[in-house]
Amino acid sequence: MKLKVTSLALLGIMFVTPVFAAIQTVNLSVPGMFCASCPFIVQAAIGDVEGVQSVDTDLESRTAVVTYDDELTTIADIMFATAIVGYEAFLIEDGAGS
């Protein structure tokens, strides 16, 4: 009987324990940003994606640094949001130049 109760308790813990999503940061190249308003348009589009926590765009380097919850969104969703407003984005791999 004790073994049965312990097994049920362990099973219950498995379903009650939350799985923590990982917060990710990704660097995107957005080469189509040329004017002063472009970074704001890109930032607003990415910021509207559910799960995005922060967006930092830079006109000079034509990049966007995005922090997001990978349980709620994906890099593809973020890049699609920029494409919808007319700015194609590309993933900058770690160690690659901008």
N, C-alpha and C. Protein backbone atom coordinates (compact mmCIF):
# COMPACT_ATOMS: atom_id res chain seq x y z
N MET A 1 0.83 -1.20 0.00
CA MET A 1 0.00 0.00 0.00
C MET A 1 0.87 1.26 0.00
N LYS A 2 1.93 1.26 0.81
CA LYS A 2 2.81 2.42 0.88
C LYS A 2 3.48 2.68 -0.47
N LEU A 3 3.89 1.62 -1.15
CA LEU A 3 4.50 1.76 -2.47
C LEU A 3 3.52 2.37 -3.47
N LYS A 4 2.28 1.98 -3.38
CA LYS A 4 1.25 2.48 -4.29
C LYS A 4 1.03 3.98 -4.06
N VAL A 5 0.98 4.40 -2.81
CA VAL A 5 0.78 5.82 -2.49
C VAL A 5 1.98 6.63 -2.96
N THR A 6 3.18 6.13 -2.75
CA THR A 6 4.39 6.83 -3.18
C THR A 6 4.43 6.97 -4.70
N SER A 7 4.06 5.93 -5.40
CA SER A 7 4.04 5.99 -6.85
C SER A 7 3.04 7.01 -7.35
N LEU A 8 1.88 7.04 -6.72
CA LEU A 8 0.87 8.02 -7.11
C LEU A 8 1.33 9.44 -6.80
N ALA A 9 2.03 9.61 -5.68
CA ALA A 9 2.54 10.93 -5.33
C ALA A 9 3.57 11.40 -6.35
N LEU A 10 4.46 10.51 -6.75
CA LEU A 10 5.46 10.86 -7.77
C LEU A 10 4.80 11.20 -9.10
N LEU A 11 3.81 10.43 -9.46
CA LEU A 11 3.09 10.69 -10.70
C LEU A 11 2.42 12.06 -10.64
N GLY A 12 1.83 12.39 -9.52
CA GLY A 12 1.18 13.69 -9.34
C GLY A 12 2.17 14.83 -9.43
N ILE A 13 3.36 14.64 -8.86
CA ILE A 13 4.39 15.68 -8.91
C ILE A 13 4.83 15.93 -10.35
N MET A 14 4.91 14.89 -11.12
CA MET A 14 5.32 15.04 -12.52
C MET A 14 4.36 15.94 -13.29
N PHE A 15 3.08 15.85 -12.97
CA PHE A 15 2.10 16.65 -13.71
C PHE A 15 1.89 18.02 -13.10
N VAL A 16 2.24 18.20 -11.85
CA VAL A 16 2.05 19.48 -11.18
C VAL A 16 3.26 20.38 -11.37
N THR A 17 4.45 19.81 -11.43
CA THR A 17 5.67 20.59 -11.58
C THR A 17 5.67 21.29 -12.92
N PRO A 18 5.77 22.62 -12.92
CA PRO A 18 5.75 23.33 -14.19
C PRO A 18 7.05 23.13 -14.96
N VAL A 19 6.93 23.13 -16.25
CA VAL A 19 8.09 23.08 -17.11
C VAL A 19 8.41 24.53 -17.44
N PHE A 20 9.60 24.95 -17.08
CA PHE A 20 9.96 26.34 -17.28
C PHE A 20 10.45 26.58 -18.70
N ALA A 21 9.88 27.58 -19.31
CA ALA A 21 10.30 27.95 -20.65
C ALA A 21 11.63 28.68 -20.54
N ALA A 22 12.39 28.58 -21.57
CA ALA A 22 13.67 29.28 -21.59
C ALA A 22 13.49 30.64 -22.26
N ILE A 23 14.09 31.63 -21.66
CA ILE A 23 14.11 32.95 -22.27
C ILE A 23 15.31 32.97 -23.21
N GLN A 24 15.05 33.30 -24.45
CA GLN A 24 16.08 33.29 -25.49
C GLN A 24 16.35 34.71 -25.98
N THR A 25 17.55 34.92 -26.46
CA THR A 25 17.89 36.19 -27.12
C THR A 25 18.44 35.86 -28.49
N VAL A 26 17.95 36.55 -29.48
CA VAL A 26 18.36 36.31 -30.86
C VAL A 26 18.75 37.64 -31.49
N ASN A 27 19.75 37.60 -32.35
CA ASN A 27 20.19 38.77 -33.10
C ASN A 27 19.74 38.60 -34.54
N LEU A 28 19.07 39.62 -35.04
CA LEU A 28 18.58 39.59 -36.41
C LEU A 28 19.21 40.71 -37.22
N SER A 29 19.54 40.40 -38.45
CA SER A 29 19.95 41.41 -39.42
C SER A 29 18.69 41.84 -40.16
N VAL A 30 18.47 43.15 -40.23
CA VAL A 30 17.31 43.69 -40.95
C VAL A 30 17.86 44.72 -41.94
N PRO A 31 18.38 44.24 -43.07
CA PRO A 31 19.09 45.13 -44.00
C PRO A 31 18.22 46.20 -44.65
N GLY A 32 16.92 46.05 -44.62
CA GLY A 32 16.04 47.02 -45.26
C GLY A 32 15.77 48.27 -44.43
N MET A 33 16.33 48.35 -43.23
CA MET A 33 16.13 49.56 -42.40
C MET A 33 17.09 50.65 -42.88
N PHE A 34 16.52 51.69 -43.50
CA PHE A 34 17.35 52.77 -44.03
C PHE A 34 17.02 54.14 -43.45
N CYS A 35 15.77 54.38 -43.10
CA CYS A 35 15.39 55.72 -42.64
C CYS A 35 15.18 55.72 -41.12
N ALA A 36 15.00 56.89 -40.58
CA ALA A 36 14.88 57.04 -39.12
C ALA A 36 13.65 56.34 -38.54
N SER A 37 12.60 56.18 -39.33
CA SER A 37 11.39 55.53 -38.81
C SER A 37 11.42 54.01 -38.92
N CYS A 38 12.29 53.48 -39.75
CA CYS A 38 12.35 52.02 -39.96
C CYS A 38 12.54 51.23 -38.66
N PRO A 39 13.49 51.60 -37.80
CA PRO A 39 13.67 50.81 -36.57
C PRO A 39 12.42 50.80 -35.69
N PHE A 40 11.66 51.89 -35.70
CA PHE A 40 10.45 51.94 -34.89
C PHE A 40 9.37 51.02 -35.45
N ILE A 41 9.29 50.94 -36.76
CA ILE A 41 8.31 50.05 -37.40
C ILE A 41 8.65 48.60 -37.10
N VAL A 42 9.94 48.25 -37.25
CA VAL A 42 10.39 46.88 -36.97
C VAL A 42 10.18 46.56 -35.49
N GLN A 43 10.54 47.48 -34.62
CA GLN A 43 10.40 47.27 -33.18
C GLN A 43 8.94 47.05 -32.80
N ALA A 44 8.04 47.83 -33.37
CA ALA A 44 6.61 47.67 -33.07
C ALA A 44 6.09 46.33 -33.57
N ALA A 45 6.49 45.93 -34.76
CA ALA A 45 6.03 44.66 -35.32
C ALA A 45 6.49 43.49 -34.47
N ILE A 46 7.76 43.48 -34.10
CA ILE A 46 8.28 42.39 -33.28
C ILE A 46 7.68 42.45 -31.88
N GLY A 47 7.52 43.63 -31.35
CA GLY A 47 6.96 43.79 -30.01
C GLY A 47 5.54 43.29 -29.88
N ASP A 48 4.82 43.24 -31.00
CA ASP A 48 3.44 42.75 -30.99
C ASP A 48 3.34 41.22 -30.98
N VAL A 49 4.46 40.53 -31.17
CA VAL A 49 4.44 39.07 -31.17
C VAL A 49 4.32 38.58 -29.73
N GLU A 50 3.35 37.72 -29.48
CA GLU A 50 3.16 37.18 -28.14
C GLU A 50 4.43 36.44 -27.71
N GLY A 51 4.89 36.73 -26.51
CA GLY A 51 6.08 36.08 -25.98
C GLY A 51 7.34 36.91 -26.09
N VAL A 52 7.32 37.95 -26.90
CA VAL A 52 8.49 38.83 -27.02
C VAL A 52 8.53 39.71 -25.78
N GLN A 53 9.68 39.71 -25.12
CA GLN A 53 9.85 40.49 -23.90
C GLN A 53 10.51 41.84 -24.15
N SER A 54 11.45 41.87 -25.09
CA SER A 54 12.10 43.15 -25.40
C SER A 54 12.66 43.11 -26.82
N VAL A 55 12.75 44.31 -27.39
CA VAL A 55 13.29 44.47 -28.75
C VAL A 55 14.17 45.71 -28.73
N ASP A 56 15.38 45.57 -29.23
CA ASP A 56 16.29 46.71 -29.36
C ASP A 56 16.74 46.76 -30.81
N THR A 57 16.29 47.77 -31.53
CA THR A 57 16.68 47.91 -32.93
C THR A 57 17.77 48.98 -33.06
N ASP A 58 18.61 48.83 -34.07
CA ASP A 58 19.69 49.79 -34.30
C ASP A 58 19.78 50.09 -35.79
N LEU A 59 19.55 51.34 -36.14
CA LEU A 59 19.57 51.75 -37.54
C LEU A 59 20.97 51.64 -38.14
N GLU A 60 21.97 52.06 -37.39
CA GLU A 60 23.33 52.08 -37.92
C GLU A 60 23.81 50.69 -38.32
N SER A 61 23.57 49.70 -37.46
CA SER A 61 24.01 48.33 -37.78
C SER A 61 22.93 47.52 -38.50
N ARG A 62 21.72 48.11 -38.59
CA ARG A 62 20.58 47.45 -39.23
C ARG A 62 20.32 46.08 -38.59
N THR A 63 20.22 46.11 -37.26
CA THR A 63 19.99 44.88 -36.51
C THR A 63 18.87 45.06 -35.50
N ALA A 64 18.39 43.92 -35.03
CA ALA A 64 17.41 43.88 -33.94
C ALA A 64 17.84 42.78 -32.98
N VAL A 65 17.87 43.10 -31.71
CA VAL A 65 18.15 42.12 -30.66
C VAL A 65 16.82 41.88 -29.95
N VAL A 66 16.39 40.62 -29.98
CA VAL A 66 15.07 40.27 -29.47
C VAL A 66 15.20 39.25 -28.34
N THR A 67 14.55 39.53 -27.22
CA THR A 67 14.47 38.59 -26.11
C THR A 67 13.04 38.10 -26.06
N TYR A 68 12.89 36.76 -26.04
CA TYR A 68 11.56 36.18 -26.11
C TYR A 68 11.47 34.89 -25.31
N ASP A 69 10.24 34.50 -25.02
CA ASP A 69 9.93 33.26 -24.31
C ASP A 69 9.70 32.19 -25.37
N ASP A 70 10.58 31.19 -25.41
CA ASP A 70 10.48 30.19 -26.48
C ASP A 70 9.33 29.22 -26.31
N GLU A 71 8.60 29.34 -25.21
CA GLU A 71 7.40 28.53 -25.06
C GLU A 71 6.21 29.20 -25.75
N LEU A 72 6.31 30.51 -25.96
CA LEU A 72 5.20 31.26 -26.53
C LEU A 72 5.39 31.65 -27.99
N THR A 73 6.62 31.70 -28.45
CA THR A 73 6.87 32.10 -29.84
C THR A 73 8.16 31.46 -30.35
N THR A 74 8.39 31.65 -31.63
CA THR A 74 9.58 31.09 -32.28
C THR A 74 10.30 32.19 -33.05
N ILE A 75 11.51 31.89 -33.45
CA ILE A 75 12.26 32.83 -34.29
C ILE A 75 11.52 33.05 -35.61
N ALA A 76 10.93 31.98 -36.12
CA ALA A 76 10.18 32.10 -37.38
C ALA A 76 9.01 33.06 -37.24
N ASP A 77 8.31 33.02 -36.11
CA ASP A 77 7.19 33.94 -35.86
C ASP A 77 7.69 35.39 -35.83
N ILE A 78 8.82 35.58 -35.19
CA ILE A 78 9.39 36.93 -35.07
C ILE A 78 9.80 37.45 -36.45
N MET A 79 10.45 36.61 -37.22
CA MET A 79 10.88 37.01 -38.56
C MET A 79 9.68 37.24 -39.49
N PHE A 80 8.62 36.48 -39.30
CA PHE A 80 7.41 36.66 -40.08
C PHE A 80 6.78 38.03 -39.78
N ALA A 81 6.85 38.43 -38.51
CA ALA A 81 6.28 39.74 -38.12
C ALA A 81 7.00 40.87 -38.84
N THR A 82 8.31 40.77 -39.01
CA THR A 82 9.03 41.83 -39.72
C THR A 82 8.69 41.80 -41.21
N ALA A 83 8.52 40.60 -41.76
CA ALA A 83 8.19 40.47 -43.18
C ALA A 83 6.83 41.08 -43.49
N ILE A 84 5.89 40.93 -42.57
CA ILE A 84 4.54 41.48 -42.78
C ILE A 84 4.58 42.99 -42.95
N VAL A 85 5.50 43.66 -42.23
CA VAL A 85 5.58 45.13 -42.34
C VAL A 85 6.62 45.57 -43.36
N GLY A 86 7.14 44.60 -44.15
CA GLY A 86 8.00 44.94 -45.28
C GLY A 86 9.50 44.88 -45.03
N TYR A 87 9.92 44.26 -43.94
CA TYR A 87 11.34 44.18 -43.64
C TYR A 87 11.75 42.72 -43.46
N GLU A 88 12.50 42.20 -44.42
CA GLU A 88 12.99 40.85 -44.30
C GLU A 88 14.09 40.82 -43.24
N ALA A 89 14.05 39.80 -42.38
CA ALA A 89 15.04 39.66 -41.33
C ALA A 89 15.78 38.33 -41.50
N PHE A 90 17.03 38.34 -41.10
CA PHE A 90 17.87 37.16 -41.19
C PHE A 90 18.52 36.91 -39.84
N LEU A 91 18.62 35.68 -39.45
CA LEU A 91 19.24 35.30 -38.20
C LEU A 91 20.74 35.50 -38.29
N ILE A 92 21.30 36.19 -37.31
CA ILE A 92 22.75 36.32 -37.21
C ILE A 92 23.22 35.21 -36.29
N GLU A 93 23.96 34.29 -36.83
CA GLU A 93 24.46 33.16 -36.04
C GLU A 93 25.53 33.66 -35.07
N ASP A 94 25.63 32.99 -33.92
CA ASP A 94 26.67 33.33 -32.95
C ASP A 94 28.04 33.22 -33.61
N GLY A 95 28.86 34.20 -33.38
CA GLY A 95 30.21 34.18 -33.93
C GLY A 95 30.30 34.73 -35.34
N ALA A 96 29.16 35.03 -35.98
CA ALA A 96 29.16 35.56 -37.34
C ALA A 96 29.17 37.08 -37.27
N GLY A 97 29.69 37.71 -38.24
CA GLY A 97 29.69 39.17 -38.30
C GLY A 97 28.32 39.68 -38.70
N SER A 98 28.06 40.95 -38.43
CA SER A 98 26.76 41.52 -38.79
C SER A 98 26.83 42.01 -40.15
